[in-house]
């Protein structure tokens, strides 16, 4: 959750990046679809060992994922369906990118799928917290924004040092597992007090 904390302390960073692109005529759900399609493209490019282009596509996917929520809030278009669509596409985007990486020459499918399981467990803890406490839980060392940036930056560097992608995925797996445990303990402690 490093990026979320940073943006929270410096909100003008986010608004300066997304502000020029927030237009009333664009629909947030369309942006969610664009984000998802770009993630699929990124996964395909990773599978073809096109690490630079894959990373740029994933960066663009992450940008549209931020933009859809900002636009929905600014123009009062936030909805339960939009939230459902956004979170569902986030999980499918994670799968598309990690499976693509698993088909690359640098990371085994076993490691990629183990990483996806760890990532999905992090998201599950957030969803479970919302179900039992009615509050979202974003605690932990590696939130989704951090994970996307880790893979993007790691992928960009891997275009020059291809074997680095393996270590990026290992780091994603380890940090996601730690985040899952952090969220589990946080929720455990909160529920034990009730």
N, C-alpha and C. Protein backbone atom coordinates (compact mmCIF):
# COMPACT_ATOMS: atom_id res chain seq x y z
N UNK A 1 0.81 -1.19 0.00
CA UNK A 1 0.00 0.00 0.00
C UNK A 1 0.86 1.26 0.00
N UNK A 2 2.08 1.11 -0.40
CA UNK A 2 3.01 2.23 -0.42
C UNK A 2 2.52 3.34 -1.35
N UNK A 3 2.09 2.97 -2.55
CA UNK A 3 1.63 3.98 -3.51
C UNK A 3 0.39 4.71 -3.02
N UNK A 4 -0.55 3.98 -2.44
CA UNK A 4 -1.77 4.62 -1.93
C UNK A 4 -1.45 5.61 -0.82
N UNK A 5 -0.51 5.25 0.06
CA UNK A 5 -0.12 6.17 1.13
C UNK A 5 0.58 7.40 0.57
N UNK A 6 1.43 7.20 -0.43
CA UNK A 6 2.12 8.32 -1.07
C UNK A 6 1.13 9.26 -1.74
N UNK A 7 0.18 8.69 -2.47
CA UNK A 7 -0.82 9.52 -3.15
C UNK A 7 -1.71 10.22 -2.12
N UNK A 8 -1.99 9.54 -1.00
CA UNK A 8 -2.78 10.15 0.06
C UNK A 8 -2.10 11.37 0.65
N UNK A 9 -0.79 11.32 0.74
CA UNK A 9 -0.03 12.46 1.29
C UNK A 9 0.14 13.58 0.27
N UNK A 10 0.16 13.20 -1.00
CA UNK A 10 0.34 14.18 -2.08
C UNK A 10 -0.76 14.00 -3.13
N UNK A 11 -2.01 14.39 -2.81
CA UNK A 11 -3.13 14.15 -3.73
C UNK A 11 -2.99 14.86 -5.07
N UNK A 12 -2.20 15.91 -5.13
CA UNK A 12 -2.05 16.63 -6.40
C UNK A 12 -1.32 15.79 -7.43
N UNK A 13 -0.52 14.81 -6.98
CA UNK A 13 0.18 13.93 -7.92
C UNK A 13 -0.84 13.19 -8.77
N UNK A 14 -1.82 12.58 -8.10
CA UNK A 14 -2.84 11.81 -8.82
C UNK A 14 -3.68 12.71 -9.70
N UNK A 15 -4.14 13.83 -9.15
CA UNK A 15 -5.01 14.70 -9.94
C UNK A 15 -4.28 15.30 -11.14
N UNK A 16 -2.98 15.55 -11.00
CA UNK A 16 -2.24 16.09 -12.14
C UNK A 16 -2.06 15.04 -13.25
N UNK A 17 -2.03 13.75 -12.86
CA UNK A 17 -1.90 12.68 -13.86
C UNK A 17 -3.22 12.36 -14.53
N UNK A 18 -4.29 12.29 -13.72
CA UNK A 18 -5.57 11.87 -14.29
C UNK A 18 -6.45 13.04 -14.74
N UNK A 19 -6.28 14.20 -14.11
CA UNK A 19 -7.14 15.35 -14.39
C UNK A 19 -7.34 15.68 -15.86
N UNK A 20 -6.26 15.77 -16.64
CA UNK A 20 -6.44 16.15 -18.06
C UNK A 20 -7.23 15.12 -18.87
N UNK A 21 -7.36 13.90 -18.35
CA UNK A 21 -8.03 12.84 -19.11
C UNK A 21 -9.47 12.60 -18.66
N UNK A 22 -9.88 13.25 -17.57
CA UNK A 22 -11.24 13.05 -17.07
C UNK A 22 -12.19 13.92 -17.86
N UNK A 23 -13.02 13.27 -18.65
CA UNK A 23 -13.98 13.98 -19.51
C UNK A 23 -15.38 13.48 -19.20
N UNK A 24 -16.33 14.38 -19.20
CA UNK A 24 -17.70 14.04 -18.84
C UNK A 24 -18.33 13.04 -19.80
N UNK A 25 -17.95 13.10 -21.07
CA UNK A 25 -18.60 12.25 -22.07
C UNK A 25 -18.11 10.80 -22.04
N UNK A 26 -16.99 10.53 -21.40
CA UNK A 26 -16.49 9.16 -21.33
C UNK A 26 -17.15 8.43 -20.17
N UNK A 27 -17.52 7.18 -20.38
CA UNK A 27 -18.20 6.43 -19.33
C UNK A 27 -17.18 5.57 -18.57
N UNK A 28 -17.25 5.57 -17.22
CA UNK A 28 -16.28 4.81 -16.44
C UNK A 28 -16.24 3.32 -16.79
N UNK A 29 -17.40 2.73 -17.10
CA UNK A 29 -17.41 1.30 -17.43
C UNK A 29 -16.64 1.02 -18.72
N UNK A 30 -16.68 1.95 -19.66
CA UNK A 30 -15.91 1.80 -20.89
C UNK A 30 -14.41 1.79 -20.56
N UNK A 31 -14.01 2.66 -19.63
CA UNK A 31 -12.60 2.70 -19.22
C UNK A 31 -12.19 1.41 -18.52
N UNK A 32 -13.11 0.82 -17.75
CA UNK A 32 -12.82 -0.47 -17.12
C UNK A 32 -12.57 -1.55 -18.17
N UNK A 33 -13.39 -1.54 -19.23
CA UNK A 33 -13.20 -2.49 -20.32
C UNK A 33 -11.85 -2.27 -21.02
N UNK A 34 -11.51 -1.01 -21.27
CA UNK A 34 -10.23 -0.70 -21.92
C UNK A 34 -9.07 -1.19 -21.06
N UNK A 35 -9.15 -0.96 -19.74
CA UNK A 35 -8.12 -1.41 -18.82
C UNK A 35 -7.96 -2.93 -18.89
N UNK A 36 -9.08 -3.64 -18.90
CA UNK A 36 -9.06 -5.10 -18.95
C UNK A 36 -8.46 -5.60 -20.26
N UNK A 37 -8.87 -5.02 -21.37
CA UNK A 37 -8.35 -5.43 -22.68
C UNK A 37 -6.84 -5.18 -22.76
N UNK A 38 -6.39 -4.06 -22.23
CA UNK A 38 -4.95 -3.77 -22.22
C UNK A 38 -4.18 -4.78 -21.36
N UNK A 39 -4.80 -5.25 -20.28
CA UNK A 39 -4.15 -6.28 -19.45
C UNK A 39 -4.02 -7.59 -20.21
N UNK A 40 -5.05 -7.94 -21.00
CA UNK A 40 -4.97 -9.15 -21.82
C UNK A 40 -3.86 -9.00 -22.86
N UNK A 41 -3.79 -7.83 -23.49
CA UNK A 41 -2.73 -7.55 -24.46
C UNK A 41 -1.37 -7.67 -23.78
N UNK A 42 -1.26 -7.11 -22.56
CA UNK A 42 -0.01 -7.21 -21.82
C UNK A 42 0.38 -8.66 -21.56
N UNK A 43 -0.59 -9.46 -21.13
CA UNK A 43 -0.31 -10.88 -20.89
C UNK A 43 0.17 -11.58 -22.14
N UNK A 44 -0.47 -11.28 -23.27
CA UNK A 44 -0.05 -11.88 -24.54
C UNK A 44 1.38 -11.46 -24.88
N UNK A 45 1.68 -10.19 -24.72
CA UNK A 45 3.03 -9.70 -25.04
C UNK A 45 4.07 -10.30 -24.11
N UNK A 46 3.73 -10.47 -22.82
CA UNK A 46 4.65 -11.16 -21.92
C UNK A 46 4.90 -12.59 -22.40
N UNK A 47 3.84 -13.25 -22.85
CA UNK A 47 3.99 -14.65 -23.29
C UNK A 47 4.89 -14.76 -24.52
N UNK A 48 5.00 -13.67 -25.28
CA UNK A 48 5.85 -13.65 -26.48
C UNK A 48 7.23 -13.07 -26.18
N UNK A 49 7.54 -12.88 -24.89
CA UNK A 49 8.82 -12.32 -24.45
C UNK A 49 9.06 -10.90 -24.94
N UNK A 50 8.00 -10.18 -25.20
CA UNK A 50 8.10 -8.77 -25.62
C UNK A 50 7.93 -7.91 -24.36
N UNK A 51 8.96 -7.95 -23.52
CA UNK A 51 8.84 -7.42 -22.17
C UNK A 51 8.60 -5.92 -22.11
N UNK A 52 9.26 -5.16 -22.97
CA UNK A 52 9.09 -3.71 -22.98
C UNK A 52 7.63 -3.35 -23.32
N UNK A 53 7.11 -3.91 -24.40
CA UNK A 53 5.75 -3.59 -24.83
C UNK A 53 4.72 -4.12 -23.84
N UNK A 54 4.99 -5.30 -23.28
CA UNK A 54 4.09 -5.87 -22.29
C UNK A 54 3.99 -4.97 -21.07
N UNK A 55 5.11 -4.45 -20.63
CA UNK A 55 5.14 -3.58 -19.46
C UNK A 55 4.42 -2.27 -19.73
N UNK A 56 4.62 -1.71 -20.93
CA UNK A 56 3.93 -0.46 -21.28
C UNK A 56 2.42 -0.68 -21.38
N UNK A 57 2.00 -1.83 -21.92
CA UNK A 57 0.56 -2.13 -22.00
C UNK A 57 -0.02 -2.29 -20.60
N UNK A 58 0.73 -2.90 -19.69
CA UNK A 58 0.25 -3.07 -18.32
C UNK A 58 0.20 -1.73 -17.58
N UNK A 59 1.15 -0.86 -17.87
CA UNK A 59 1.13 0.49 -17.30
C UNK A 59 -0.11 1.24 -17.78
N UNK A 60 -0.41 1.14 -19.07
CA UNK A 60 -1.61 1.79 -19.62
C UNK A 60 -2.87 1.19 -18.99
N UNK A 61 -2.89 -0.12 -18.81
CA UNK A 61 -4.03 -0.78 -18.17
C UNK A 61 -4.24 -0.23 -16.76
N UNK A 62 -3.15 -0.10 -16.01
CA UNK A 62 -3.24 0.44 -14.65
C UNK A 62 -3.73 1.88 -14.64
N UNK A 63 -3.30 2.66 -15.63
CA UNK A 63 -3.74 4.05 -15.72
C UNK A 63 -5.25 4.13 -15.95
N UNK A 64 -5.76 3.33 -16.88
CA UNK A 64 -7.20 3.34 -17.13
C UNK A 64 -7.98 2.81 -15.93
N UNK A 65 -7.37 1.90 -15.18
CA UNK A 65 -8.02 1.39 -13.97
C UNK A 65 -8.16 2.48 -12.92
N UNK A 66 -7.19 3.36 -12.82
CA UNK A 66 -7.29 4.51 -11.92
C UNK A 66 -8.29 5.52 -12.45
N UNK A 67 -8.23 5.75 -13.74
CA UNK A 67 -9.04 6.78 -14.38
C UNK A 67 -10.54 6.48 -14.26
N UNK A 68 -10.93 5.21 -14.37
CA UNK A 68 -12.37 4.90 -14.32
C UNK A 68 -12.98 5.28 -12.98
N UNK A 69 -12.28 5.00 -11.89
CA UNK A 69 -12.79 5.35 -10.57
C UNK A 69 -12.82 6.85 -10.34
N UNK A 70 -11.76 7.53 -10.77
CA UNK A 70 -11.71 8.99 -10.60
C UNK A 70 -12.85 9.65 -11.38
N UNK A 71 -13.10 9.16 -12.60
CA UNK A 71 -14.15 9.74 -13.41
C UNK A 71 -15.53 9.46 -12.81
N UNK A 72 -15.73 8.24 -12.31
CA UNK A 72 -17.02 7.89 -11.71
C UNK A 72 -17.31 8.77 -10.51
N UNK A 73 -16.30 9.03 -9.69
CA UNK A 73 -16.50 9.87 -8.51
C UNK A 73 -16.73 11.33 -8.90
N UNK A 74 -15.98 11.84 -9.85
CA UNK A 74 -16.08 13.25 -10.21
C UNK A 74 -17.45 13.59 -10.78
N UNK A 75 -18.01 12.70 -11.61
CA UNK A 75 -19.27 13.00 -12.28
C UNK A 75 -20.46 12.26 -11.68
N UNK A 76 -20.30 11.71 -10.48
CA UNK A 76 -21.41 11.06 -9.80
C UNK A 76 -21.92 9.81 -10.51
N UNK A 77 -21.02 9.11 -11.18
CA UNK A 77 -21.42 7.90 -11.91
C UNK A 77 -21.01 6.62 -11.19
N UNK A 78 -20.56 6.74 -9.95
CA UNK A 78 -20.19 5.55 -9.19
C UNK A 78 -21.44 4.70 -8.97
N UNK A 79 -21.30 3.40 -9.15
CA UNK A 79 -22.44 2.50 -8.98
C UNK A 79 -21.96 1.16 -8.42
N UNK A 80 -22.89 0.41 -7.89
CA UNK A 80 -22.57 -0.93 -7.38
C UNK A 80 -22.08 -1.81 -8.54
N UNK A 81 -22.76 -1.70 -9.69
CA UNK A 81 -22.34 -2.50 -10.84
C UNK A 81 -20.94 -2.11 -11.30
N UNK A 82 -20.65 -0.81 -11.34
CA UNK A 82 -19.32 -0.35 -11.73
C UNK A 82 -18.24 -0.87 -10.79
N UNK A 83 -18.55 -0.88 -9.49
CA UNK A 83 -17.60 -1.41 -8.50
C UNK A 83 -17.38 -2.90 -8.72
N UNK A 84 -18.47 -3.63 -8.96
CA UNK A 84 -18.39 -5.06 -9.25
C UNK A 84 -17.54 -5.31 -10.49
N UNK A 85 -17.82 -4.56 -11.57
CA UNK A 85 -17.09 -4.74 -12.82
C UNK A 85 -15.61 -4.44 -12.63
N UNK A 86 -15.30 -3.35 -11.95
CA UNK A 86 -13.91 -2.95 -11.73
C UNK A 86 -13.15 -4.02 -10.96
N UNK A 87 -13.73 -4.51 -9.86
CA UNK A 87 -13.03 -5.52 -9.05
C UNK A 87 -12.91 -6.86 -9.79
N UNK A 88 -13.94 -7.22 -10.55
CA UNK A 88 -13.86 -8.46 -11.32
C UNK A 88 -12.78 -8.37 -12.38
N UNK A 89 -12.74 -7.25 -13.09
CA UNK A 89 -11.71 -7.07 -14.12
C UNK A 89 -10.31 -7.00 -13.51
N UNK A 90 -10.20 -6.46 -12.30
CA UNK A 90 -8.89 -6.45 -11.63
C UNK A 90 -8.37 -7.86 -11.44
N UNK A 91 -9.24 -8.76 -10.96
CA UNK A 91 -8.82 -10.15 -10.74
C UNK A 91 -8.48 -10.84 -12.05
N UNK A 92 -9.30 -10.61 -13.08
CA UNK A 92 -9.04 -11.23 -14.38
C UNK A 92 -7.79 -10.64 -15.03
N UNK A 93 -7.55 -9.36 -14.81
CA UNK A 93 -6.34 -8.73 -15.34
C UNK A 93 -5.09 -9.33 -14.69
N UNK A 94 -5.15 -9.52 -13.37
CA UNK A 94 -4.03 -10.17 -12.67
C UNK A 94 -3.76 -11.54 -13.28
N UNK A 95 -4.83 -12.29 -13.53
CA UNK A 95 -4.69 -13.62 -14.10
C UNK A 95 -4.08 -13.56 -15.50
N UNK A 96 -4.59 -12.66 -16.34
CA UNK A 96 -4.09 -12.55 -17.72
C UNK A 96 -2.60 -12.23 -17.75
N UNK A 97 -2.18 -11.30 -16.92
CA UNK A 97 -0.77 -10.89 -16.92
C UNK A 97 0.12 -12.01 -16.36
N UNK A 98 -0.29 -12.61 -15.25
CA UNK A 98 0.57 -13.64 -14.64
C UNK A 98 0.61 -14.91 -15.48
N UNK A 99 -0.50 -15.29 -16.11
CA UNK A 99 -0.46 -16.45 -17.01
C UNK A 99 0.43 -16.13 -18.22
N UNK A 100 0.32 -14.92 -18.73
CA UNK A 100 1.21 -14.50 -19.83
C UNK A 100 2.67 -14.61 -19.43
N UNK A 101 2.97 -14.13 -18.22
CA UNK A 101 4.35 -14.24 -17.73
C UNK A 101 4.75 -15.71 -17.59
N UNK A 102 3.80 -16.55 -17.17
CA UNK A 102 4.08 -17.98 -17.04
C UNK A 102 4.40 -18.66 -18.37
N UNK A 103 3.88 -18.11 -19.46
CA UNK A 103 4.19 -18.64 -20.79
C UNK A 103 5.48 -18.05 -21.37
N UNK A 104 6.07 -17.09 -20.67
CA UNK A 104 7.31 -16.48 -21.16
C UNK A 104 8.47 -17.47 -21.01
N UNK A 105 9.61 -17.08 -21.54
CA UNK A 105 10.81 -17.93 -21.44
C UNK A 105 11.52 -17.79 -20.10
N UNK A 106 11.04 -16.90 -19.24
CA UNK A 106 11.81 -16.53 -18.05
C UNK A 106 11.22 -17.00 -16.73
N UNK A 107 9.93 -17.35 -16.75
CA UNK A 107 9.24 -17.72 -15.51
C UNK A 107 8.42 -18.97 -15.78
N UNK A 108 8.49 -19.93 -14.86
CA UNK A 108 7.70 -21.16 -15.04
C UNK A 108 6.22 -20.88 -14.77
N UNK A 109 5.37 -21.68 -15.39
CA UNK A 109 3.94 -21.54 -15.17
C UNK A 109 3.60 -21.84 -13.71
N UNK A 110 4.33 -22.76 -13.09
CA UNK A 110 4.08 -23.10 -11.68
C UNK A 110 4.28 -21.88 -10.79
N UNK A 111 5.37 -21.16 -11.01
CA UNK A 111 5.63 -19.96 -10.20
C UNK A 111 4.59 -18.88 -10.49
N UNK A 112 4.24 -18.71 -11.75
CA UNK A 112 3.25 -17.69 -12.11
C UNK A 112 1.90 -17.99 -11.46
N UNK A 113 1.47 -19.25 -11.48
CA UNK A 113 0.18 -19.62 -10.89
C UNK A 113 0.22 -19.55 -9.37
N UNK A 114 1.36 -19.93 -8.77
CA UNK A 114 1.50 -19.79 -7.31
C UNK A 114 1.40 -18.32 -6.92
N UNK A 115 1.98 -17.47 -7.73
CA UNK A 115 1.91 -16.02 -7.48
C UNK A 115 0.47 -15.54 -7.63
N UNK A 116 -0.23 -16.03 -8.65
CA UNK A 116 -1.63 -15.63 -8.81
C UNK A 116 -2.47 -16.06 -7.61
N UNK A 117 -2.24 -17.26 -7.11
CA UNK A 117 -2.98 -17.73 -5.93
C UNK A 117 -2.72 -16.80 -4.76
N UNK A 118 -1.47 -16.42 -4.57
CA UNK A 118 -1.13 -15.49 -3.48
C UNK A 118 -1.82 -14.14 -3.67
N UNK A 119 -1.82 -13.66 -4.91
CA UNK A 119 -2.47 -12.38 -5.23
C UNK A 119 -3.97 -12.45 -4.97
N UNK A 120 -4.60 -13.55 -5.39
CA UNK A 120 -6.04 -13.69 -5.23
C UNK A 120 -6.41 -13.81 -3.75
N UNK A 121 -5.53 -14.40 -2.95
CA UNK A 121 -5.78 -14.49 -1.51
C UNK A 121 -5.74 -13.10 -0.86
N UNK A 122 -4.86 -12.24 -1.34
CA UNK A 122 -4.82 -10.85 -0.85
C UNK A 122 -6.16 -10.18 -1.12
N UNK A 123 -6.65 -10.32 -2.34
CA UNK A 123 -7.92 -9.72 -2.72
C UNK A 123 -9.08 -10.34 -1.94
N UNK A 124 -9.01 -11.66 -1.73
CA UNK A 124 -10.05 -12.34 -0.97
C UNK A 124 -10.15 -11.78 0.45
N UNK A 125 -9.03 -11.52 1.08
CA UNK A 125 -9.06 -10.97 2.44
C UNK A 125 -9.73 -9.60 2.45
N UNK A 126 -9.49 -8.80 1.41
CA UNK A 126 -10.16 -7.51 1.32
C UNK A 126 -11.66 -7.67 1.16
N UNK A 127 -12.06 -8.63 0.32
CA UNK A 127 -13.48 -8.90 0.09
C UNK A 127 -14.13 -9.48 1.34
N UNK A 128 -13.45 -10.39 1.99
CA UNK A 128 -13.99 -11.01 3.20
C UNK A 128 -14.16 -9.97 4.30
N UNK A 129 -13.20 -9.07 4.43
CA UNK A 129 -13.31 -8.00 5.42
C UNK A 129 -14.54 -7.15 5.15
N UNK A 130 -14.77 -6.84 3.87
CA UNK A 130 -15.94 -6.03 3.52
C UNK A 130 -17.23 -6.78 3.84
N UNK A 131 -17.23 -8.09 3.62
CA UNK A 131 -18.43 -8.89 3.87
C UNK A 131 -18.78 -8.95 5.35
N UNK A 132 -17.78 -9.05 6.22
CA UNK A 132 -18.06 -9.24 7.65
C UNK A 132 -18.03 -7.96 8.46
N UNK A 133 -17.36 -6.92 7.96
CA UNK A 133 -17.27 -5.67 8.74
C UNK A 133 -17.91 -4.49 8.02
N UNK A 134 -18.27 -4.67 6.74
CA UNK A 134 -18.82 -3.59 5.90
C UNK A 134 -17.79 -2.49 5.63
N UNK A 135 -16.52 -2.78 5.88
CA UNK A 135 -15.43 -1.85 5.59
C UNK A 135 -14.41 -2.56 4.72
N UNK A 136 -13.86 -1.83 3.78
CA UNK A 136 -12.81 -2.40 2.94
C UNK A 136 -11.50 -2.46 3.72
N UNK A 137 -10.71 -3.46 3.40
CA UNK A 137 -9.42 -3.64 4.06
C UNK A 137 -8.33 -3.58 2.99
N UNK A 138 -7.52 -2.53 3.07
CA UNK A 138 -6.44 -2.35 2.10
C UNK A 138 -5.07 -2.44 2.77
N UNK A 139 -5.03 -2.96 3.98
CA UNK A 139 -3.77 -3.03 4.73
C UNK A 139 -2.78 -3.96 4.02
N UNK A 140 -1.51 -3.79 4.36
CA UNK A 140 -0.49 -4.70 3.86
C UNK A 140 0.57 -4.01 3.04
N UNK A 141 1.65 -4.72 2.86
CA UNK A 141 2.84 -4.15 2.22
C UNK A 141 2.69 -4.01 0.70
N UNK A 142 1.89 -4.88 0.06
CA UNK A 142 1.81 -4.86 -1.41
C UNK A 142 0.36 -4.88 -1.87
N UNK A 143 -0.21 -3.70 -2.03
CA UNK A 143 -1.55 -3.59 -2.58
C UNK A 143 -1.52 -3.73 -4.08
N UNK A 144 -2.68 -3.64 -4.72
CA UNK A 144 -2.74 -3.85 -6.17
C UNK A 144 -1.92 -2.81 -6.94
N UNK A 145 -2.02 -1.56 -6.55
CA UNK A 145 -1.27 -0.52 -7.26
C UNK A 145 0.24 -0.78 -7.15
N UNK A 146 0.67 -1.18 -5.96
CA UNK A 146 2.10 -1.50 -5.76
C UNK A 146 2.51 -2.68 -6.63
N UNK A 147 1.64 -3.70 -6.67
CA UNK A 147 1.95 -4.91 -7.44
C UNK A 147 2.04 -4.60 -8.93
N UNK A 148 1.10 -3.81 -9.43
CA UNK A 148 1.14 -3.44 -10.84
C UNK A 148 2.44 -2.69 -11.15
N UNK A 149 2.79 -1.73 -10.29
CA UNK A 149 4.02 -0.96 -10.54
C UNK A 149 5.27 -1.82 -10.42
N UNK A 150 5.26 -2.78 -9.49
CA UNK A 150 6.41 -3.70 -9.36
C UNK A 150 6.60 -4.48 -10.66
N UNK A 151 5.51 -4.99 -11.21
CA UNK A 151 5.60 -5.76 -12.45
C UNK A 151 5.94 -4.86 -13.64
N UNK A 152 5.38 -3.67 -13.67
CA UNK A 152 5.68 -2.73 -14.77
C UNK A 152 7.15 -2.35 -14.74
N UNK A 153 7.63 -1.87 -13.59
CA UNK A 153 9.04 -1.43 -13.50
C UNK A 153 9.96 -2.63 -13.70
N UNK A 154 9.62 -3.76 -13.08
CA UNK A 154 10.42 -4.97 -13.26
C UNK A 154 10.44 -5.42 -14.70
N UNK A 155 9.30 -5.33 -15.37
CA UNK A 155 9.23 -5.71 -16.77
C UNK A 155 10.04 -4.79 -17.66
N UNK A 156 9.98 -3.49 -17.37
CA UNK A 156 10.77 -2.53 -18.15
C UNK A 156 12.26 -2.81 -17.99
N UNK A 157 12.69 -3.05 -16.75
CA UNK A 157 14.11 -3.36 -16.51
C UNK A 157 14.47 -4.71 -17.12
N UNK A 158 13.50 -5.63 -17.12
CA UNK A 158 13.75 -6.97 -17.67
C UNK A 158 13.92 -6.94 -19.18
N UNK A 159 13.43 -5.88 -19.82
CA UNK A 159 13.65 -5.79 -21.27
C UNK A 159 15.13 -5.64 -21.58
N UNK A 160 15.90 -5.11 -20.61
CA UNK A 160 17.35 -5.02 -20.76
C UNK A 160 18.05 -6.20 -20.08
N UNK A 161 17.46 -6.70 -19.00
CA UNK A 161 18.02 -7.81 -18.22
C UNK A 161 16.93 -8.87 -18.05
N UNK A 162 16.67 -9.68 -19.08
CA UNK A 162 15.52 -10.58 -19.11
C UNK A 162 15.37 -11.50 -17.90
N UNK A 163 16.46 -11.99 -17.35
CA UNK A 163 16.36 -12.91 -16.22
C UNK A 163 15.82 -12.23 -14.96
N UNK A 164 15.81 -10.90 -14.96
CA UNK A 164 15.28 -10.15 -13.81
C UNK A 164 13.79 -10.41 -13.62
N UNK A 165 13.07 -10.75 -14.68
CA UNK A 165 11.63 -10.98 -14.57
C UNK A 165 11.33 -12.11 -13.58
N UNK A 166 12.16 -13.13 -13.56
CA UNK A 166 11.97 -14.23 -12.60
C UNK A 166 11.98 -13.69 -11.17
N UNK A 167 12.94 -12.83 -10.86
CA UNK A 167 13.05 -12.30 -9.50
C UNK A 167 11.91 -11.34 -9.16
N UNK A 168 11.41 -10.65 -10.17
CA UNK A 168 10.25 -9.77 -9.97
C UNK A 168 9.03 -10.60 -9.57
N UNK A 169 8.83 -11.72 -10.24
CA UNK A 169 7.69 -12.58 -9.91
C UNK A 169 7.89 -13.23 -8.55
N UNK A 170 9.09 -13.65 -8.23
CA UNK A 170 9.36 -14.20 -6.89
C UNK A 170 9.05 -13.15 -5.82
N UNK A 171 9.50 -11.91 -6.04
CA UNK A 171 9.24 -10.83 -5.09
C UNK A 171 7.73 -10.59 -4.97
N UNK A 172 7.02 -10.62 -6.09
CA UNK A 172 5.56 -10.45 -6.07
C UNK A 172 4.91 -11.55 -5.26
N UNK A 173 5.37 -12.78 -5.44
CA UNK A 173 4.82 -13.91 -4.69
C UNK A 173 5.07 -13.74 -3.18
N UNK A 174 6.30 -13.45 -2.82
CA UNK A 174 6.66 -13.33 -1.40
C UNK A 174 5.92 -12.16 -0.76
N UNK A 175 5.94 -11.01 -1.39
CA UNK A 175 5.29 -9.83 -0.80
C UNK A 175 3.77 -9.96 -0.77
N UNK A 176 3.19 -10.64 -1.75
CA UNK A 176 1.74 -10.88 -1.74
C UNK A 176 1.37 -11.84 -0.62
N UNK A 177 2.21 -12.84 -0.40
CA UNK A 177 1.96 -13.78 0.70
C UNK A 177 2.03 -13.06 2.04
N UNK A 178 3.01 -12.19 2.20
CA UNK A 178 3.12 -11.40 3.44
C UNK A 178 1.89 -10.51 3.60
N UNK A 179 1.44 -9.89 2.51
CA UNK A 179 0.27 -9.02 2.55
C UNK A 179 -0.97 -9.80 2.95
N UNK A 180 -1.13 -11.00 2.39
CA UNK A 180 -2.26 -11.85 2.78
C UNK A 180 -2.24 -12.11 4.28
N UNK A 181 -1.07 -12.47 4.80
CA UNK A 181 -0.95 -12.75 6.24
C UNK A 181 -1.23 -11.49 7.07
N UNK A 182 -0.75 -10.34 6.60
CA UNK A 182 -1.02 -9.09 7.31
C UNK A 182 -2.52 -8.82 7.36
N UNK A 183 -3.20 -8.99 6.24
CA UNK A 183 -4.64 -8.75 6.21
C UNK A 183 -5.39 -9.77 7.06
N UNK A 184 -4.95 -11.02 7.00
CA UNK A 184 -5.60 -12.06 7.80
C UNK A 184 -5.51 -11.74 9.28
N UNK A 185 -4.31 -11.38 9.73
CA UNK A 185 -4.12 -11.06 11.15
C UNK A 185 -4.90 -9.80 11.53
N UNK A 186 -4.89 -8.80 10.67
CA UNK A 186 -5.64 -7.56 10.94
C UNK A 186 -7.13 -7.87 11.11
N UNK A 187 -7.67 -8.65 10.20
CA UNK A 187 -9.09 -9.00 10.28
C UNK A 187 -9.37 -9.88 11.49
N UNK A 188 -8.50 -10.83 11.75
CA UNK A 188 -8.63 -11.71 12.91
C UNK A 188 -8.73 -10.88 14.19
N UNK A 189 -7.79 -9.95 14.35
CA UNK A 189 -7.76 -9.14 15.56
C UNK A 189 -9.02 -8.26 15.67
N UNK A 190 -9.46 -7.71 14.55
CA UNK A 190 -10.64 -6.86 14.57
C UNK A 190 -11.88 -7.67 14.95
N UNK A 191 -12.01 -8.87 14.42
CA UNK A 191 -13.19 -9.69 14.70
C UNK A 191 -13.14 -10.28 16.13
N UNK A 192 -11.96 -10.54 16.65
CA UNK A 192 -11.84 -11.07 18.01
C UNK A 192 -12.28 -10.05 19.05
N UNK A 193 -12.19 -8.76 18.71
CA UNK A 193 -12.58 -7.72 19.65
C UNK A 193 -14.10 -7.56 19.73
N UNK A 194 -14.81 -8.11 18.74
CA UNK A 194 -16.27 -7.92 18.71
C UNK A 194 -16.97 -8.93 19.59
